[in-house]
Amino acid sequence: MKATLYIAGAGLELLGIVLVASPDLVPWALRLVRWIRPRWRMIENRLRRLLRLSARGTAYEDSATVGLNITINSAAEVGFDPKATLEDKVAFLLRRNSESQKEMNALAQRVAAVETEAPKRAAELRAEMESHVARELAAAKEDYRIARISGAIVLGCGLALTTAANFVS
């Protein structure tokens, strides 16, 4: 019995030290933490109820977006009749010049809209990326906190078993 307590205590101490000291260096520690996390909340809520504190709730968040972009491009080449009169040719060129100016103005407006929207969109994307990184860091910090607390608990259990082995004759 004494040897069993010593061996179990030493094993739990080693596991606790590994969990406390380096959850980010041991690949299976984070998988263990992800397995512990749902159970941890349940255990924490039971302890809070025993201490007559309110239980912590769980909030779920989800979002969905749908994007649709349809673009149709066409090109046409318009020529004039070589047998037309000089007045008809000049009228054709004036009409084509007017159409070209309208198209250039529309293009200038689109470019100006892109120039004004690009910094706004870049700022939105930067804010979205910063919030994503902050959420991921918070989740990693939570994982490490759970691993370290679990390691401390396992280490304490190992020390308790080793101490109990000293009292067993």
Protein backbone atom coordinates (compact mmCIF):
# COMPACT_ATOMS: atom_id res chain seq x y z
CA MET A 1 0.00 0.00 0.00
CA LYS A 2 2.82 2.36 0.92
CA ALA A 3 4.66 1.74 -2.37
CA THR A 4 1.46 2.29 -4.35
CA LEU A 5 0.88 5.63 -2.65
CA TYR A 6 4.50 6.67 -3.28
CA ILE A 7 4.35 5.71 -6.95
CA ALA A 8 0.93 7.28 -7.52
CA GLY A 9 1.99 10.41 -5.63
CA ALA A 10 5.20 10.76 -7.63
CA GLY A 11 3.36 10.23 -10.90
CA LEU A 12 0.74 12.85 -10.04
CA GLU A 13 3.46 15.26 -8.91
CA LEU A 14 5.29 14.84 -12.21
CA LEU A 15 2.08 15.36 -14.19
CA GLY A 16 1.22 18.41 -12.09
CA ILE A 17 4.67 19.93 -12.57
CA VAL A 18 4.47 19.39 -16.33
CA LEU A 19 1.03 21.01 -16.49
CA VAL A 20 2.05 23.94 -14.29
CA ALA A 21 5.44 24.59 -15.84
CA SER A 22 4.96 24.20 -19.55
CA PRO A 23 1.53 23.69 -21.11
CA ASP A 24 2.76 25.40 -24.26
CA LEU A 25 5.80 23.09 -24.59
CA VAL A 26 3.93 19.82 -24.24
CA PRO A 27 1.73 19.13 -27.30
CA TRP A 28 -0.85 17.01 -25.51
CA ALA A 29 -1.34 19.55 -22.70
CA LEU A 30 -3.56 21.79 -24.82
CA ARG A 31 -5.63 18.81 -26.00
CA LEU A 32 -6.01 17.84 -22.35
CA VAL A 33 -7.07 21.39 -21.51
CA ARG A 34 -9.66 21.37 -24.31
CA TRP A 35 -11.00 18.13 -22.86
CA ILE A 36 -11.00 19.59 -19.33
CA ARG A 37 -12.60 22.95 -20.27
CA PRO A 38 -16.29 21.83 -20.42
CA ARG A 39 -15.85 19.77 -17.29
CA TRP A 40 -14.00 22.63 -15.60
CA ARG A 41 -16.98 24.96 -15.96
CA MET A 42 -19.24 22.30 -14.44
CA ILE A 43 -16.88 21.74 -11.49
CA GLU A 44 -16.40 25.47 -11.02
CA ASN A 45 -20.17 26.06 -10.95
CA ARG A 46 -20.65 23.28 -8.38
CA LEU A 47 -17.96 24.82 -6.17
CA ARG A 48 -19.55 28.25 -6.57
CA ARG A 49 -22.94 26.81 -5.55
CA LEU A 50 -21.33 25.23 -2.46
CA LEU A 51 -19.92 28.64 -1.57
CA ARG A 52 -23.33 30.20 -2.29
CA LEU A 53 -22.04 32.25 -5.22
CA SER A 54 -23.89 32.62 -8.49
CA ALA A 55 -22.88 30.22 -11.23
CA ARG A 56 -21.10 31.50 -14.31
CA GLY A 57 -23.10 31.36 -17.49
CA THR A 58 -21.97 30.49 -20.98
CA ALA A 59 -22.58 32.85 -23.89
CA TYR A 60 -22.54 31.65 -27.46
CA GLU A 61 -22.02 33.96 -30.40
CA ASP A 62 -22.26 33.30 -34.11
CA SER A 63 -22.54 35.31 -37.27
CA ALA A 64 -23.14 34.69 -40.94
CA THR A 65 -22.48 36.77 -44.01
CA VAL A 66 -23.43 36.30 -47.63
CA GLY A 67 -21.71 38.17 -50.41
CA LEU A 68 -22.76 38.40 -54.03
CA ASN A 69 -20.85 40.15 -56.78
CA ILE A 70 -21.93 40.01 -60.40
CA THR A 71 -19.88 41.73 -63.06
CA ILE A 72 -20.63 41.84 -66.74
CA ASN A 73 -18.06 43.29 -69.09
CA SER A 74 -18.60 43.92 -72.76
CA ALA A 75 -16.57 45.59 -75.45
CA ALA A 76 -17.63 46.82 -78.84
CA GLU A 77 -15.86 48.62 -81.61
CA VAL A 78 -17.90 51.12 -83.53
CA GLY A 79 -16.83 52.28 -86.97
CA PHE A 80 -18.27 54.75 -89.41
CA ASP A 81 -19.24 54.42 -92.99
CA PRO A 82 -16.38 55.50 -95.27
CA LYS A 83 -18.90 56.65 -97.89
CA ALA A 84 -20.58 59.07 -95.45
CA THR A 85 -20.47 62.79 -95.99
CA LEU A 86 -18.04 65.02 -94.13
CA GLU A 87 -20.83 66.42 -91.93
CA ASP A 88 -21.93 62.90 -90.96
CA LYS A 89 -18.35 61.97 -90.11
CA VAL A 90 -17.91 65.10 -87.95
CA ALA A 91 -21.25 64.45 -86.21
CA PHE A 92 -20.17 60.86 -85.55
CA LEU A 93 -16.83 62.02 -84.10
CA LEU A 94 -18.52 64.66 -81.91
CA ARG A 95 -21.01 62.06 -80.61
CA ARG A 96 -18.15 59.59 -79.91
CA ASN A 97 -16.20 62.35 -78.15
CA SER A 98 -19.21 63.11 -75.95
CA GLU A 99 -19.65 59.41 -75.11
CA SER A 100 -15.95 59.07 -74.30
CA GLN A 101 -16.07 62.08 -71.98
CA LYS A 102 -19.09 60.62 -70.17
CA GLU A 103 -17.30 57.29 -69.77
CA MET A 104 -14.15 59.04 -68.49
CA ASN A 105 -16.20 61.02 -65.96
CA ALA A 106 -17.91 57.83 -64.77
CA LEU A 107 -14.50 56.15 -64.49
CA ALA A 108 -13.12 59.11 -62.52
CA GLN A 109 -16.09 58.91 -60.14
CA ARG A 110 -15.53 55.17 -59.62
CA VAL A 111 -11.83 55.72 -58.94
CA ALA A 112 -12.64 58.50 -56.47
CA ALA A 113 -15.14 56.22 -54.73
CA VAL A 114 -12.52 53.47 -54.48
CA GLU A 115 -9.99 55.98 -53.09
CA THR A 116 -12.39 57.10 -50.37
CA GLU A 117 -13.67 53.61 -49.53
CA ALA A 118 -10.27 51.89 -49.42
CA PRO A 119 -9.00 53.57 -46.21
CA LYS A 120 -12.37 53.01 -44.51
CA ARG A 121 -12.39 49.34 -45.49
CA ALA A 122 -8.76 48.95 -44.43
CA ALA A 123 -9.61 50.44 -41.02
CA GLU A 124 -12.57 48.06 -40.68
CA LEU A 125 -10.41 45.07 -41.62
CA ARG A 126 -7.69 46.17 -39.17
CA ALA A 127 -10.21 46.50 -36.35
CA GLU A 128 -11.70 43.10 -37.22
CA MET A 129 -8.25 41.48 -37.26
CA GLU A 130 -7.29 43.11 -33.95
CA SER A 131 -10.46 41.84 -32.30
CA HIS A 132 -9.86 38.36 -33.76
CA VAL A 133 -6.30 38.29 -32.43
CA ALA A 134 -7.50 39.55 -29.03
CA ARG A 135 -10.13 36.77 -28.88
CA GLU A 136 -7.57 34.11 -29.83
CA LEU A 137 -5.09 35.40 -27.24
CA ALA A 138 -7.79 35.40 -24.58
CA ALA A 139 -8.73 31.82 -25.46
CA ALA A 140 -5.08 30.73 -25.33
CA LYS A 141 -4.64 32.51 -22.01
CA GLU A 142 -7.74 30.71 -20.70
CA ASP A 143 -6.33 27.38 -21.89
CA TYR A 144 -3.02 28.02 -20.17
CA ARG A 145 -4.76 29.18 -16.98
CA ILE A 146 -6.84 26.01 -16.87
CA ALA A 147 -3.75 23.88 -17.52
CA ARG A 148 -1.80 25.58 -14.75
CA ILE A 149 -4.63 25.39 -12.23
CA SER A 150 -5.26 21.74 -13.13
CA GLY A 151 -1.52 21.13 -12.76
CA ALA A 152 -1.51 22.73 -9.33
CA ILE A 153 -4.47 20.57 -8.26
CA VAL A 154 -2.82 17.40 -9.60
CA LEU A 155 0.47 18.38 -7.92
CA GLY A 156 -1.37 18.92 -4.64
CA CYS A 157 -3.03 15.50 -4.95
CA GLY A 158 0.37 13.92 -5.62
CA LEU A 159 1.86 15.63 -2.58
CA ALA A 160 -1.11 14.52 -0.50
CA LEU A 161 -0.64 10.88 -1.62
CA THR A 162 3.09 11.02 -0.89
CA THR A 163 2.39 12.51 2.54
CA ALA A 164 -0.24 9.85 3.22
CA ALA A 165 2.32 7.19 2.25
CA ASN A 166 4.65 8.53 4.96
CA PHE A 167 1.94 7.97 7.60
CA VAL A 168 1.06 4.46 6.41
CA SER A 169 3.11 1.86 8.22
